[in-house]
Amino acid sequence: VRIQAGDLPNLKLPAYRRTPPTPTGRPK
């Protein structure tokens, strides 16, 4: 609420990105 009102700065964190999916099947 305070961030939206401008009373508190937001964290400047990198956006969360999901790790790429692992390939299906057995590894070679």
PDB file of all heavy atoms in Angstrom:
ATOM      1  N   VAL A   1       0.851  -1.208   0.000  1.00  0.00           N
ATOM      2  CA  VAL A   1       0.000   0.000   0.000  1.00  0.00           C
ATOM      3  C   VAL A   1       0.878   1.246   0.000  1.00  0.00           C
ATOM      4  O   VAL A   1       0.633   2.191  -0.745  1.00  0.00           O
ATOM      5  CB  VAL A   1      -0.963  -0.023   1.211  1.00  0.00           C
ATOM      6  CG1 VAL A   1      -1.639   1.324   1.410  1.00  0.00           C
ATOM      7  CG2 VAL A   1      -2.000  -1.124   1.050  1.00  0.00           C
ATOM      8  N   ARG A   2       1.924   1.242   0.831  1.00  0.00           N
ATOM      9  CA  ARG A   2       2.830   2.394   0.908  1.00  0.00           C
ATOM     10  C   ARG A   2       3.600   2.601  -0.402  1.00  0.00           C
ATOM     11  O   ARG A   2       3.849   3.733  -0.807  1.00  0.00           O
ATOM     12  CB  ARG A   2       3.793   2.226   2.086  1.00  0.00           C
ATOM     13  CG  ARG A   2       3.103   2.338   3.433  1.00  0.00           C
ATOM     14  CD  ARG A   2       4.050   2.127   4.602  1.00  0.00           C
ATOM     15  NE  ARG A   2       5.165   3.067   4.530  1.00  0.00           N
ATOM     16  CZ  ARG A   2       6.373   2.809   5.026  1.00  0.00           C
ATOM     17  NH1 ARG A   2       6.626   1.655   5.609  1.00  0.00           N
ATOM     18  NH2 ARG A   2       7.326   3.702   4.936  1.00  0.00           N
ATOM     19  N   ILE A   3       3.979   1.507  -1.059  1.00  0.00           N
ATOM     20  CA  ILE A   3       4.674   1.616  -2.350  1.00  0.00           C
ATOM     21  C   ILE A   3       3.745   2.248  -3.379  1.00  0.00           C
ATOM     22  O   ILE A   3       4.127   3.169  -4.106  1.00  0.00           O
ATOM     23  CB  ILE A   3       5.182   0.238  -2.821  1.00  0.00           C
ATOM     24  CG1 ILE A   3       6.356  -0.215  -1.943  1.00  0.00           C
ATOM     25  CG2 ILE A   3       5.595   0.275  -4.295  1.00  0.00           C
ATOM     26  CD1 ILE A   3       6.751  -1.679  -2.134  1.00  0.00           C
ATOM     27  N   GLN A   4       2.502   1.765  -3.435  1.00  0.00           N
ATOM     28  CA  GLN A   4       1.540   2.307  -4.400  1.00  0.00           C
ATOM     29  C   GLN A   4       1.245   3.774  -4.121  1.00  0.00           C
ATOM     30  O   GLN A   4       1.022   4.549  -5.043  1.00  0.00           O
ATOM     31  CB  GLN A   4       0.257   1.493  -4.377  1.00  0.00           C
ATOM     32  CG  GLN A   4       0.434   0.115  -4.990  1.00  0.00           C
ATOM     33  CD  GLN A   4      -0.800  -0.757  -4.861  1.00  0.00           C
ATOM     34  OE1 GLN A   4      -1.678  -0.498  -4.048  1.00  0.00           O
ATOM     35  NE2 GLN A   4      -0.856  -1.807  -5.665  1.00  0.00           N
ATOM     36  N   ALA A   5       1.268   4.174  -2.838  1.00  0.00           N
ATOM     37  CA  ALA A   5       1.005   5.565  -2.474  1.00  0.00           C
ATOM     38  C   ALA A   5       2.232   6.450  -2.670  1.00  0.00           C
ATOM     39  O   ALA A   5       2.140   7.675  -2.552  1.00  0.00           O
ATOM     40  CB  ALA A   5       0.538   5.637  -1.015  1.00  0.00           C
ATOM     41  N   GLY A   6       3.385   5.859  -2.936  1.00  0.00           N
ATOM     42  CA  GLY A   6       4.603   6.637  -3.119  1.00  0.00           C
ATOM     43  C   GLY A   6       5.324   6.960  -1.828  1.00  0.00           C
ATOM     44  O   GLY A   6       6.269   7.753  -1.827  1.00  0.00           O
ATOM     45  N   ASP A   7       4.920   6.353  -0.719  1.00  0.00           N
ATOM     46  CA  ASP A   7       5.551   6.605   0.581  1.00  0.00           C
ATOM     47  C   ASP A   7       6.751   5.700   0.849  1.00  0.00           C
ATOM     48  O   ASP A   7       7.472   5.905   1.822  1.00  0.00           O
ATOM     49  CB  ASP A   7       4.544   6.395   1.718  1.00  0.00           C
ATOM     50  CG  ASP A   7       3.404   7.390   1.674  1.00  0.00           C
ATOM     51  OD1 ASP A   7       3.590   8.495   1.123  1.00  0.00           O
ATOM     52  OD2 ASP A   7       2.321   7.063   2.195  1.00  0.00           O
ATOM     53  N   LEU A   8       6.927   4.678   0.019  1.00  0.00           N
ATOM     54  CA  LEU A   8       7.999   3.706   0.208  1.00  0.00           C
ATOM     55  C   LEU A   8       8.510   3.313  -1.173  1.00  0.00           C
ATOM     56  O   LEU A   8       7.716   2.980  -2.052  1.00  0.00           O
ATOM     57  CB  LEU A   8       7.446   2.466   0.948  1.00  0.00           C
ATOM     58  CG  LEU A   8       8.396   1.314   1.234  1.00  0.00           C
ATOM     59  CD1 LEU A   8       9.434   1.718   2.288  1.00  0.00           C
ATOM     60  CD2 LEU A   8       7.611   0.101   1.738  1.00  0.00           C
ATOM     61  N   PRO A   9       9.836   3.359  -1.378  1.00  0.00           N
ATOM     62  CA  PRO A   9      10.329   2.941  -2.695  1.00  0.00           C
ATOM     63  C   PRO A   9      10.184   1.431  -2.856  1.00  0.00           C
ATOM     64  O   PRO A   9      10.222   0.681  -1.879  1.00  0.00           O
ATOM     65  CB  PRO A   9      11.806   3.351  -2.661  1.00  0.00           C
ATOM     66  CG  PRO A   9      12.168   3.366  -1.215  1.00  0.00           C
ATOM     67  CD  PRO A   9      10.914   3.760  -0.481  1.00  0.00           C
ATOM     68  N   ASN A  10      10.019   1.002  -4.087  1.00  0.00           N
ATOM     69  CA  ASN A  10       9.938  -0.428  -4.355  1.00  0.00           C
ATOM     70  C   ASN A  10      11.346  -1.006  -4.407  1.00  0.00           C
ATOM     71  O   ASN A  10      12.317  -0.281  -4.657  1.00  0.00           O
ATOM     72  CB  ASN A  10       9.214  -0.682  -5.678  1.00  0.00           C
ATOM     73  CG  ASN A  10       8.634  -2.079  -5.764  1.00  0.00           C
ATOM     74  OD1 ASN A  10       8.898  -2.941  -4.921  1.00  0.00           O
ATOM     75  ND2 ASN A  10       7.837  -2.312  -6.786  1.00  0.00           N
ATOM     76  N   LEU A  11      11.478  -2.290  -4.166  1.00  0.00           N
ATOM     77  CA  LEU A  11      12.762  -2.960  -4.332  1.00  0.00           C
ATOM     78  C   LEU A  11      13.135  -2.941  -5.812  1.00  0.00           C
ATOM     79  O   LEU A  11      12.269  -3.030  -6.681  1.00  0.00           O
ATOM     80  CB  LEU A  11      12.657  -4.418  -3.866  1.00  0.00           C
ATOM     81  CG  LEU A  11      12.507  -4.649  -2.373  1.00  0.00           C
ATOM     82  CD1 LEU A  11      12.221  -6.112  -2.103  1.00  0.00           C
ATOM     83  CD2 LEU A  11      13.745  -4.204  -1.623  1.00  0.00           C
ATOM     84  N   LYS A  12      14.406  -2.824  -6.084  1.00  0.00           N
ATOM     85  CA  LYS A  12      14.892  -2.856  -7.465  1.00  0.00           C
ATOM     86  C   LYS A  12      15.569  -4.196  -7.697  1.00  0.00           C
ATOM     87  O   LYS A  12      16.781  -4.290  -7.823  1.00  0.00           O
ATOM     88  CB  LYS A  12      15.872  -1.709  -7.702  1.00  0.00           C
ATOM     89  CG  LYS A  12      15.249  -0.339  -7.585  1.00  0.00           C
ATOM     90  CD  LYS A  12      16.291   0.744  -7.792  1.00  0.00           C
ATOM     91  CE  LYS A  12      15.695   2.111  -7.613  1.00  0.00           C
ATOM     92  NZ  LYS A  12      16.727   3.162  -7.695  1.00  0.00           N
ATOM     93  N   LEU A  13      14.756  -5.239  -7.728  1.00  0.00           N
ATOM     94  CA  LEU A  13      15.274  -6.582  -7.907  1.00  0.00           C
ATOM     95  C   LEU A  13      15.089  -7.023  -9.347  1.00  0.00           C
ATOM     96  O   LEU A  13      14.140  -6.603 -10.010  1.00  0.00           O
ATOM     97  CB  LEU A  13      14.548  -7.567  -6.990  1.00  0.00           C
ATOM     98  CG  LEU A  13      14.659  -7.296  -5.491  1.00  0.00           C
ATOM     99  CD1 LEU A  13      13.884  -8.341  -4.721  1.00  0.00           C
ATOM    100  CD2 LEU A  13      16.110  -7.285  -5.062  1.00  0.00           C
ATOM    101  N   PRO A  14      15.970  -7.881  -9.841  1.00  0.00           N
ATOM    102  CA  PRO A  14      15.782  -8.381 -11.199  1.00  0.00           C
ATOM    103  C   PRO A  14      14.496  -9.194 -11.282  1.00  0.00           C
ATOM    104  O   PRO A  14      14.078  -9.822 -10.304  1.00  0.00           O
ATOM    105  CB  PRO A  14      17.006  -9.268 -11.445  1.00  0.00           C
ATOM    106  CG  PRO A  14      17.661  -9.453 -10.138  1.00  0.00           C
ATOM    107  CD  PRO A  14      17.146  -8.424  -9.189  1.00  0.00           C
ATOM    108  N   ALA A  15      13.876  -9.164 -12.445  1.00  0.00           N
ATOM    109  CA  ALA A  15      12.652  -9.935 -12.637  1.00  0.00           C
ATOM    110  C   ALA A  15      12.969 -11.415 -12.511  1.00  0.00           C
ATOM    111  O   ALA A  15      14.031 -11.866 -12.922  1.00  0.00           O
ATOM    112  CB  ALA A  15      12.055  -9.635 -14.008  1.00  0.00           C
ATOM    113  N   TYR A  16      12.050 -12.142 -11.935  1.00  0.00           N
ATOM    114  CA  TYR A  16      12.236 -13.580 -11.787  1.00  0.00           C
ATOM    115  C   TYR A  16      11.987 -14.243 -13.127  1.00  0.00           C
ATOM    116  O   TYR A  16      10.965 -14.018 -13.760  1.00  0.00           O
ATOM    117  CB  TYR A  16      11.281 -14.137 -10.732  1.00  0.00           C
ATOM    118  CG  TYR A  16      11.410 -15.627 -10.545  1.00  0.00           C
ATOM    119  CD1 TYR A  16      12.493 -16.157  -9.868  1.00  0.00           C
ATOM    120  CD2 TYR A  16      10.465 -16.502 -11.065  1.00  0.00           C
ATOM    121  CE1 TYR A  16      12.634 -17.515  -9.697  1.00  0.00           C
ATOM    122  CE2 TYR A  16      10.605 -17.867 -10.901  1.00  0.00           C
ATOM    123  CZ  TYR A  16      11.693 -18.369 -10.215  1.00  0.00           C
ATOM    124  OH  TYR A  16      11.824 -19.713 -10.064  1.00  0.00           O
ATOM    125  N   ARG A  17      12.918 -15.028 -13.556  1.00  0.00           N
ATOM    126  CA  ARG A  17      12.755 -15.779 -14.800  1.00  0.00           C
ATOM    127  C   ARG A  17      12.864 -17.250 -14.463  1.00  0.00           C
ATOM    128  O   ARG A  17      13.769 -17.661 -13.745  1.00  0.00           O
ATOM    129  CB  ARG A  17      13.833 -15.394 -15.804  1.00  0.00           C
ATOM    130  CG  ARG A  17      13.655 -13.974 -16.285  1.00  0.00           C
ATOM    131  CD  ARG A  17      14.545 -13.716 -17.488  1.00  0.00           C
ATOM    132  NE  ARG A  17      14.275 -12.420 -18.041  1.00  0.00           N
ATOM    133  CZ  ARG A  17      14.816 -11.289 -17.612  1.00  0.00           C
ATOM    134  NH1 ARG A  17      15.637 -11.305 -16.610  1.00  0.00           N
ATOM    135  NH2 ARG A  17      14.529 -10.141 -18.187  1.00  0.00           N
ATOM    136  N   ARG A  18      11.960 -17.990 -14.992  1.00  0.00           N
ATOM    137  CA  ARG A  18      11.990 -19.429 -14.757  1.00  0.00           C
ATOM    138  C   ARG A  18      13.162 -20.037 -15.499  1.00  0.00           C
ATOM    139  O   ARG A  18      13.526 -19.589 -16.576  1.00  0.00           O
ATOM    140  CB  ARG A  18      10.689 -20.067 -15.225  1.00  0.00           C
ATOM    141  CG  ARG A  18       9.528 -19.657 -14.344  1.00  0.00           C
ATOM    142  CD  ARG A  18       8.229 -20.186 -14.802  1.00  0.00           C
ATOM    143  NE  ARG A  18       8.339 -21.586 -15.216  1.00  0.00           N
ATOM    144  CZ  ARG A  18       7.316 -22.312 -15.586  1.00  0.00           C
ATOM    145  NH1 ARG A  18       6.116 -21.795 -15.615  1.00  0.00           N
ATOM    146  NH2 ARG A  18       7.468 -23.569 -15.952  1.00  0.00           N
ATOM    147  N   THR A  19      13.705 -21.082 -14.935  1.00  0.00           N
ATOM    148  CA  THR A  19      14.779 -21.787 -15.611  1.00  0.00           C
ATOM    149  C   THR A  19      14.200 -22.527 -16.808  1.00  0.00           C
ATOM    150  O   THR A  19      13.034 -22.916 -16.787  1.00  0.00           O
ATOM    151  CB  THR A  19      15.467 -22.782 -14.675  1.00  0.00           C
ATOM    152  OG1 THR A  19      14.481 -23.679 -14.157  1.00  0.00           O
ATOM    153  CG2 THR A  19      16.159 -22.079 -13.536  1.00  0.00           C
ATOM    154  N   PRO A  20      14.973 -22.717 -17.851  1.00  0.00           N
ATOM    155  CA  PRO A  20      14.431 -23.405 -19.024  1.00  0.00           C
ATOM    156  C   PRO A  20      14.071 -24.846 -18.674  1.00  0.00           C
ATOM    157  O   PRO A  20      14.694 -25.451 -17.803  1.00  0.00           O
ATOM    158  CB  PRO A  20      15.569 -23.349 -20.040  1.00  0.00           C
ATOM    159  CG  PRO A  20      16.779 -22.940 -19.291  1.00  0.00           C
ATOM    160  CD  PRO A  20      16.345 -22.302 -18.022  1.00  0.00           C
ATOM    161  N   PRO A  21      13.078 -25.373 -19.346  1.00  0.00           N
ATOM    162  CA  PRO A  21      12.690 -26.757 -19.046  1.00  0.00           C
ATOM    163  C   PRO A  21      13.801 -27.715 -19.447  1.00  0.00           C
ATOM    164  O   PRO A  21      14.574 -27.447 -20.368  1.00  0.00           O
ATOM    165  CB  PRO A  21      11.433 -26.980 -19.891  1.00  0.00           C
ATOM    166  CG  PRO A  21      11.494 -25.941 -20.949  1.00  0.00           C
ATOM    167  CD  PRO A  21      12.277 -24.784 -20.389  1.00  0.00           C
ATOM    168  N   THR A  22      13.878 -28.800 -18.723  1.00  0.00           N
ATOM    169  CA  THR A  22      14.884 -29.801 -19.052  1.00  0.00           C
ATOM    170  C   THR A  22      14.398 -30.612 -20.251  1.00  0.00           C
ATOM    171  O   THR A  22      13.200 -30.812 -20.422  1.00  0.00           O
ATOM    172  CB  THR A  22      15.154 -30.736 -17.863  1.00  0.00           C
ATOM    173  OG1 THR A  22      13.915 -31.319 -17.478  1.00  0.00           O
ATOM    174  CG2 THR A  22      15.744 -29.994 -16.700  1.00  0.00           C
ATOM    175  N   PRO A  23      15.323 -31.065 -21.073  1.00  0.00           N
ATOM    176  CA  PRO A  23      14.902 -31.856 -22.226  1.00  0.00           C
ATOM    177  C   PRO A  23      14.256 -33.168 -21.754  1.00  0.00           C
ATOM    178  O   PRO A  23      14.595 -33.700 -20.717  1.00  0.00           O
ATOM    179  CB  PRO A  23      16.189 -32.117 -22.987  1.00  0.00           C
ATOM    180  CG  PRO A  23      17.299 -31.561 -22.191  1.00  0.00           C
ATOM    181  CD  PRO A  23      16.737 -30.867 -20.997  1.00  0.00           C
ATOM    182  N   THR A  24      13.327 -33.645 -22.545  1.00  0.00           N
ATOM    183  CA  THR A  24      12.663 -34.899 -22.198  1.00  0.00           C
ATOM    184  C   THR A  24      13.512 -36.064 -22.678  1.00  0.00           C
ATOM    185  O   THR A  24      14.356 -35.927 -23.567  1.00  0.00           O
ATOM    186  CB  THR A  24      11.262 -34.965 -22.814  1.00  0.00           C
ATOM    187  OG1 THR A  24      11.388 -34.798 -24.217  1.00  0.00           O
ATOM    188  CG2 THR A  24      10.365 -33.891 -22.240  1.00  0.00           C
ATOM    189  N   GLY A  25      13.272 -37.188 -22.102  1.00  0.00           N
ATOM    190  CA  GLY A  25      14.028 -38.380 -22.480  1.00  0.00           C
ATOM    191  C   GLY A  25      15.295 -38.513 -21.666  1.00  0.00           C
ATOM    192  O   GLY A  25      15.575 -37.719 -20.769  1.00  0.00           O
ATOM    193  N   ARG A  26      16.042 -39.517 -21.977  1.00  0.00           N
ATOM    194  CA  ARG A  26      17.278 -39.779 -21.247  1.00  0.00           C
ATOM    195  C   ARG A  26      18.393 -38.924 -21.793  1.00  0.00           C
ATOM    196  O   ARG A  26      18.474 -38.673 -22.995  1.00  0.00           O
ATOM    197  CB  ARG A  26      17.631 -41.247 -21.381  1.00  0.00           C
ATOM    198  CG  ARG A  26      16.586 -42.150 -20.761  1.00  0.00           C
ATOM    199  CD  ARG A  26      16.985 -43.569 -20.893  1.00  0.00           C
ATOM    200  NE  ARG A  26      18.279 -43.729 -20.217  1.00  0.00           N
ATOM    201  CZ  ARG A  26      18.646 -44.812 -19.579  1.00  0.00           C
ATOM    202  NH1 ARG A  26      17.845 -45.840 -19.533  1.00  0.00           N
ATOM    203  NH2 ARG A  26      19.810 -44.891 -19.001  1.00  0.00           N
ATOM    204  N   PRO A  27      19.298 -38.479 -20.913  1.00  0.00           N
ATOM    205  CA  PRO A  27      20.445 -37.710 -21.412  1.00  0.00           C
ATOM    206  C   PRO A  27      21.367 -38.605 -22.238  1.00  0.00           C
ATOM    207  O   PRO A  27      21.457 -39.810 -22.008  1.00  0.00           O
ATOM    208  CB  PRO A  27      21.140 -37.226 -20.133  1.00  0.00           C
ATOM    209  CG  PRO A  27      20.695 -38.156 -19.074  1.00  0.00           C
ATOM    210  CD  PRO A  27      19.322 -38.653 -19.473  1.00  0.00           C
ATOM    211  N   LYS A  28      22.012 -38.026 -23.206  1.00  0.00           N
ATOM    212  CA  LYS A  28      22.946 -38.773 -24.058  1.00  0.00           C
ATOM    213  C   LYS A  28      24.339 -38.672 -23.447  1.00  0.00           C
ATOM    214  O   LYS A  28      25.047 -37.682 -23.647  1.00  0.00           O
ATOM    215  CB  LYS A  28      22.926 -38.223 -25.475  1.00  0.00           C
ATOM    216  CG  LYS A  28      21.578 -38.393 -26.130  1.00  0.00           C
ATOM    217  CD  LYS A  28      21.558 -37.777 -27.505  1.00  0.00           C
ATOM    218  CE  LYS A  28      20.148 -37.920 -28.068  1.00  0.00           C
ATOM    219  NZ  LYS A  28      19.960 -37.215 -29.298  1.00  0.00           N
TER     220      LYS A  28
END
